[in-house]
């Protein structure tokens, strides 16, 4: 199983996986344009030529990232891929110098297993003002806010092989 930064050639398969889970209400739908815009922030799990899963790391604040759009293809469930994808995003966040990562999720036990803790939604106001105010689920949201504090090294972290694209993209955002 290879976990790497997403490529343009992955876009159709990413879209199909997002659409599959959006139809079930597990993910919010994303247009092709939206996926293309976030392509530099997506990681993928691949088993040979097959897309096994996806994850996105979205920068909410200068030192806060969000793990989002986590999805594993049904044929690859129960193989630890979701946990590996979350760890990939966490590693990217550490490389980018983030102090913490958050996730809004219905999969509380899974994220606890990945080292996240439940927090008040009020502790991440950037999420509310960035995403929640325009969300069709706002009035009846059932997601739980979770976060993981990161140990950020003072020295410059070196990206893992194959992760340069995501790390570089996040660093560029942090510099803005």
C-alpha atoms as a PDB file:
ATOM      1  CA  UNK A   1       0.000   0.000   0.000  1.00  0.00           C
ATOM      2  CA  UNK A   2       1.452   3.320  -1.101  1.00  0.00           C
ATOM      3  CA  UNK A   3       0.327   6.559   0.547  1.00  0.00           C
ATOM      4  CA  UNK A   4       1.319   9.595  -1.498  1.00  0.00           C
ATOM      5  CA  UNK A   5       0.325  13.078  -2.594  1.00  0.00           C
ATOM      6  CA  UNK A   6      -2.566  13.087  -5.045  1.00  0.00           C
ATOM      7  CA  UNK A   7      -1.911  13.679  -8.732  1.00  0.00           C
ATOM      8  CA  UNK A   8      -4.043  15.095 -11.509  1.00  0.00           C
ATOM      9  CA  UNK A   9      -4.344  11.563 -12.915  1.00  0.00           C
ATOM     10  CA  UNK A  10      -6.110  10.545  -9.658  1.00  0.00           C
ATOM     11  CA  UNK A  11      -8.851  13.162 -10.020  1.00  0.00           C
ATOM     12  CA  UNK A  12     -11.549  10.981 -11.619  1.00  0.00           C
ATOM     13  CA  UNK A  13     -11.078   8.189  -9.071  1.00  0.00           C
ATOM     14  CA  UNK A  14     -11.057  10.684  -6.194  1.00  0.00           C
ATOM     15  CA  UNK A  15     -14.287  12.194  -7.530  1.00  0.00           C
ATOM     16  CA  UNK A  16     -15.925   8.769  -7.800  1.00  0.00           C
ATOM     17  CA  UNK A  17     -14.997   7.901  -4.199  1.00  0.00           C
ATOM     18  CA  UNK A  18     -16.240  11.255  -2.866  1.00  0.00           C
ATOM     19  CA  UNK A  19     -19.467  10.873  -4.858  1.00  0.00           C
ATOM     20  CA  UNK A  20     -19.984   7.354  -3.479  1.00  0.00           C
ATOM     21  CA  UNK A  21     -19.798   8.571   0.120  1.00  0.00           C
ATOM     22  CA  UNK A  22     -21.692  11.805  -0.589  1.00  0.00           C
ATOM     23  CA  UNK A  23     -24.632   9.728  -1.863  1.00  0.00           C
ATOM     24  CA  UNK A  24     -24.637   7.958   1.514  1.00  0.00           C
ATOM     25  CA  UNK A  25     -24.448  11.234   3.429  1.00  0.00           C
ATOM     26  CA  UNK A  26     -21.025  10.391   4.851  1.00  0.00           C
ATOM     27  CA  UNK A  27     -19.188  13.179   2.979  1.00  0.00           C
ATOM     28  CA  UNK A  28     -20.298  16.485   1.582  1.00  0.00           C
ATOM     29  CA  UNK A  29     -20.480  16.486  -2.201  1.00  0.00           C
ATOM     30  CA  UNK A  30     -17.582  18.139  -4.018  1.00  0.00           C
ATOM     31  CA  UNK A  31     -17.543  19.401  -7.578  1.00  0.00           C
ATOM     32  CA  UNK A  32     -14.722  18.470  -9.915  1.00  0.00           C
ATOM     33  CA  UNK A  33     -13.581  22.105  -9.717  1.00  0.00           C
ATOM     34  CA  UNK A  34     -13.486  21.931  -5.918  1.00  0.00           C
ATOM     35  CA  UNK A  35     -11.483  18.696  -5.995  1.00  0.00           C
ATOM     36  CA  UNK A  36      -9.107  20.175  -8.544  1.00  0.00           C
ATOM     37  CA  UNK A  37      -8.567  23.250  -6.353  1.00  0.00           C
ATOM     38  CA  UNK A  38      -7.787  21.041  -3.347  1.00  0.00           C
ATOM     39  CA  UNK A  39      -5.698  18.486  -5.253  1.00  0.00           C
ATOM     40  CA  UNK A  40      -2.409  19.809  -3.786  1.00  0.00           C
ATOM     41  CA  UNK A  41      -3.778  19.132  -0.287  1.00  0.00           C
ATOM     42  CA  UNK A  42      -5.009  15.584  -0.918  1.00  0.00           C
ATOM     43  CA  UNK A  43      -3.242  12.363  -0.090  1.00  0.00           C
ATOM     44  CA  UNK A  44      -4.181   9.026  -1.611  1.00  0.00           C
ATOM     45  CA  UNK A  45      -3.691   5.387  -0.713  1.00  0.00           C
ATOM     46  CA  UNK A  46      -3.037   3.167  -3.728  1.00  0.00           C
ATOM     47  CA  UNK A  47      -2.840  -0.582  -4.074  1.00  0.00           C
ATOM     48  CA  UNK A  48      -1.220  -1.021  -7.459  1.00  0.00           C
ATOM     49  CA  UNK A  49      -3.346   0.946  -9.918  1.00  0.00           C
ATOM     50  CA  UNK A  50      -6.379   1.050  -7.608  1.00  0.00           C
ATOM     51  CA  UNK A  51      -7.303   4.026  -5.442  1.00  0.00           C
ATOM     52  CA  UNK A  52      -7.902   2.625  -1.962  1.00  0.00           C
ATOM     53  CA  UNK A  53      -8.570   5.859  -0.071  1.00  0.00           C
ATOM     54  CA  UNK A  54      -8.178   9.606   0.222  1.00  0.00           C
ATOM     55  CA  UNK A  55      -7.546  12.245   2.857  1.00  0.00           C
ATOM     56  CA  UNK A  56      -7.231  16.017   2.777  1.00  0.00           C
ATOM     57  CA  UNK A  57      -5.334  18.339   5.069  1.00  0.00           C
ATOM     58  CA  UNK A  58      -6.915  21.775   5.025  1.00  0.00           C
ATOM     59  CA  UNK A  59      -5.289  24.789   6.695  1.00  0.00           C
ATOM     60  CA  UNK A  60      -7.830  26.592   8.899  1.00  0.00           C
ATOM     61  CA  UNK A  61      -5.470  28.932  10.731  1.00  0.00           C
ATOM     62  CA  UNK A  62      -1.710  29.542  10.528  1.00  0.00           C
ATOM     63  CA  UNK A  63      -1.047  26.715  13.007  1.00  0.00           C
ATOM     64  CA  UNK A  64      -4.247  24.649  12.711  1.00  0.00           C
ATOM     65  CA  UNK A  65      -4.981  22.041  10.079  1.00  0.00           C
ATOM     66  CA  UNK A  66      -8.089  19.969   9.516  1.00  0.00           C
ATOM     67  CA  UNK A  67      -8.199  16.325   8.476  1.00  0.00           C
ATOM     68  CA  UNK A  68     -11.142  16.145   6.087  1.00  0.00           C
ATOM     69  CA  UNK A  69     -12.581  14.112   3.232  1.00  0.00           C
ATOM     70  CA  UNK A  70     -11.262  10.880   4.708  1.00  0.00           C
ATOM     71  CA  UNK A  71     -12.648   7.970   2.718  1.00  0.00           C
ATOM     72  CA  UNK A  72     -11.633   4.373   2.093  1.00  0.00           C
ATOM     73  CA  UNK A  73     -13.026   2.416  -0.858  1.00  0.00           C
ATOM     74  CA  UNK A  74     -15.337  -0.396   0.329  1.00  0.00           C
ATOM     75  CA  UNK A  75     -13.085  -3.104  -1.147  1.00  0.00           C
ATOM     76  CA  UNK A  76     -10.300  -1.901   1.174  1.00  0.00           C
ATOM     77  CA  UNK A  77     -12.183  -1.622   4.474  1.00  0.00           C
ATOM     78  CA  UNK A  78     -10.779  -3.206   7.638  1.00  0.00           C
ATOM     79  CA  UNK A  79      -7.170  -3.063   6.436  1.00  0.00           C
ATOM     80  CA  UNK A  80      -5.947  -0.089   8.499  1.00  0.00           C
ATOM     81  CA  UNK A  81      -5.899   2.252   5.502  1.00  0.00           C
ATOM     82  CA  UNK A  82      -7.983   4.960   7.188  1.00  0.00           C
ATOM     83  CA  UNK A  83      -5.548   5.098  10.094  1.00  0.00           C
ATOM     84  CA  UNK A  84      -2.584   5.284   7.696  1.00  0.00           C
ATOM     85  CA  UNK A  85      -4.238   8.118   5.788  1.00  0.00           C
ATOM     86  CA  UNK A  86      -4.878  10.068   9.001  1.00  0.00           C
ATOM     87  CA  UNK A  87      -1.251   9.526  10.037  1.00  0.00           C
ATOM     88  CA  UNK A  88      -0.147  10.767   6.610  1.00  0.00           C
ATOM     89  CA  UNK A  89      -2.163  13.978   7.096  1.00  0.00           C
ATOM     90  CA  UNK A  90      -0.828  14.388  10.650  1.00  0.00           C
ATOM     91  CA  UNK A  91       2.743  13.979   9.368  1.00  0.00           C
ATOM     92  CA  UNK A  92       2.072  16.614   6.723  1.00  0.00           C
ATOM     93  CA  UNK A  93       0.689  18.952   9.391  1.00  0.00           C
ATOM     94  CA  UNK A  94       3.790  18.461  11.537  1.00  0.00           C
ATOM     95  CA  UNK A  95       6.041  19.110   8.547  1.00  0.00           C
ATOM     96  CA  UNK A  96       4.114  22.311   7.835  1.00  0.00           C
ATOM     97  CA  UNK A  97       4.622  23.432  11.452  1.00  0.00           C
ATOM     98  CA  UNK A  98       1.018  23.161  12.626  1.00  0.00           C
ATOM     99  CA  UNK A  99       0.437  23.032  16.380  1.00  0.00           C
ATOM    100  CA  UNK A 100      -2.706  20.909  16.082  1.00  0.00           C
ATOM    101  CA  UNK A 101      -5.043  19.201  13.675  1.00  0.00           C
ATOM    102  CA  UNK A 102      -8.785  18.941  14.049  1.00  0.00           C
ATOM    103  CA  UNK A 103     -11.530  16.868  12.527  1.00  0.00           C
ATOM    104  CA  UNK A 104     -15.294  17.164  12.582  1.00  0.00           C
ATOM    105  CA  UNK A 105     -16.516  13.582  12.449  1.00  0.00           C
ATOM    106  CA  UNK A 106     -19.157  11.012  13.277  1.00  0.00           C
ATOM    107  CA  UNK A 107     -16.408   8.405  13.690  1.00  0.00           C
ATOM    108  CA  UNK A 108     -15.380   9.382  17.214  1.00  0.00           C
ATOM    109  CA  UNK A 109     -13.940   5.999  18.266  1.00  0.00           C
ATOM    110  CA  UNK A 110     -11.821   5.828  15.111  1.00  0.00           C
ATOM    111  CA  UNK A 111     -10.328   9.279  15.654  1.00  0.00           C
ATOM    112  CA  UNK A 112      -9.748   8.529  19.352  1.00  0.00           C
ATOM    113  CA  UNK A 113      -7.795   5.469  18.201  1.00  0.00           C
ATOM    114  CA  UNK A 114      -5.744   7.854  16.017  1.00  0.00           C
ATOM    115  CA  UNK A 115      -4.897  10.000  19.072  1.00  0.00           C
ATOM    116  CA  UNK A 116      -7.575  12.696  18.780  1.00  0.00           C
ATOM    117  CA  UNK A 117      -9.635  14.006  21.712  1.00  0.00           C
ATOM    118  CA  UNK A 118     -13.145  15.422  21.724  1.00  0.00           C
ATOM    119  CA  UNK A 119     -13.209  19.218  22.107  1.00  0.00           C
ATOM    120  CA  UNK A 120     -15.858  21.908  22.138  1.00  0.00           C
ATOM    121  CA  UNK A 121     -16.890  23.212  18.725  1.00  0.00           C
ATOM    122  CA  UNK A 122     -16.267  26.687  20.154  1.00  0.00           C
ATOM    123  CA  UNK A 123     -12.546  25.871  20.342  1.00  0.00           C
ATOM    124  CA  UNK A 124     -12.282  25.946  16.531  1.00  0.00           C
ATOM    125  CA  UNK A 125     -14.113  29.095  15.414  1.00  0.00           C
ATOM    126  CA  UNK A 126     -12.240  29.162  12.093  1.00  0.00           C
ATOM    127  CA  UNK A 127     -14.012  25.933  11.121  1.00  0.00           C
ATOM    128  CA  UNK A 128     -17.396  27.469  11.840  1.00  0.00           C
ATOM    129  CA  UNK A 129     -16.749  30.640   9.871  1.00  0.00           C
ATOM    130  CA  UNK A 130     -14.978  28.834   7.020  1.00  0.00           C
ATOM    131  CA  UNK A 131     -17.268  25.865   6.440  1.00  0.00           C
ATOM    132  CA  UNK A 132     -20.161  25.509   8.844  1.00  0.00           C
ATOM    133  CA  UNK A 133     -22.046  28.741   8.054  1.00  0.00           C
ATOM    134  CA  UNK A 134     -22.581  27.624   4.458  1.00  0.00           C
ATOM    135  CA  UNK A 135     -23.192  23.961   5.167  1.00  0.00           C
ATOM    136  CA  UNK A 136     -26.662  22.525   4.464  1.00  0.00           C
ATOM    137  CA  UNK A 137     -26.298  20.415   7.641  1.00  0.00           C
ATOM    138  CA  UNK A 138     -25.676  23.405   9.959  1.00  0.00           C
ATOM    139  CA  UNK A 139     -29.030  23.329  11.751  1.00  0.00           C
ATOM    140  CA  UNK A 140     -28.832  19.580  12.391  1.00  0.00           C
ATOM    141  CA  UNK A 141     -25.105  18.810  12.389  1.00  0.00           C
ATOM    142  CA  UNK A 142     -24.229  15.607  14.201  1.00  0.00           C
ATOM    143  CA  UNK A 143     -20.470  15.786  13.830  1.00  0.00           C
ATOM    144  CA  UNK A 144     -18.162  15.913  16.837  1.00  0.00           C
ATOM    145  CA  UNK A 145     -15.182  18.275  17.001  1.00  0.00           C
ATOM    146  CA  UNK A 146     -11.921  16.480  17.744  1.00  0.00           C
ATOM    147  CA  UNK A 147      -8.312  17.591  17.861  1.00  0.00           C
ATOM    148  CA  UNK A 148      -4.816  16.250  18.164  1.00  0.00           C
ATOM    149  CA  UNK A 149      -2.013  18.404  19.527  1.00  0.00           C
ATOM    150  CA  UNK A 150       1.216  18.042  17.591  1.00  0.00           C
ATOM    151  CA  UNK A 151       4.783  18.025  18.772  1.00  0.00           C
ATOM    152  CA  UNK A 152       6.317  20.535  16.395  1.00  0.00           C
ATOM    153  CA  UNK A 153      10.086  20.559  16.239  1.00  0.00           C
ATOM    154  CA  UNK A 154      11.911  23.888  16.296  1.00  0.00           C
ATOM    155  CA  UNK A 155      14.245  22.689  13.547  1.00  0.00           C
ATOM    156  CA  UNK A 156      12.970  22.479   9.991  1.00  0.00           C
ATOM    157  CA  UNK A 157      11.360  19.133   9.404  1.00  0.00           C
ATOM    158  CA  UNK A 158      12.261  17.292   6.199  1.00  0.00           C
ATOM    159  CA  UNK A 159       9.330  15.951   4.191  1.00  0.00           C
ATOM    160  CA  UNK A 160       9.074  12.214   3.697  1.00  0.00           C
ATOM    161  CA  UNK A 161       9.769  11.005   0.154  1.00  0.00           C
ATOM    162  CA  UNK A 162       6.695  11.473  -2.020  1.00  0.00           C
ATOM    163  CA  UNK A 163       5.102  14.097   0.249  1.00  0.00           C
ATOM    164  CA  UNK A 164       6.848  17.209  -0.993  1.00  0.00           C
ATOM    165  CA  UNK A 165       3.858  18.485  -2.974  1.00  0.00           C
ATOM    166  CA  UNK A 166       1.465  18.629  -0.027  1.00  0.00           C
ATOM    167  CA  UNK A 167       4.083  20.008   2.369  1.00  0.00           C
ATOM    168  CA  UNK A 168       5.159  22.678  -0.096  1.00  0.00           C
ATOM    169  CA  UNK A 169       1.556  23.708  -0.762  1.00  0.00           C
ATOM    170  CA  UNK A 170       0.825  24.059   2.946  1.00  0.00           C
ATOM    171  CA  UNK A 171       4.027  26.000   3.520  1.00  0.00           C
ATOM    172  CA  UNK A 172       3.069  28.436   0.777  1.00  0.00           C
ATOM    173  CA  UNK A 173      -0.309  28.980   2.438  1.00  0.00           C
ATOM    174  CA  UNK A 174       1.323  29.530   5.824  1.00  0.00           C
ATOM    175  CA  UNK A 175       3.544  32.241   4.322  1.00  0.00           C
ATOM    176  CA  UNK A 176       0.559  34.253   3.075  1.00  0.00           C
END
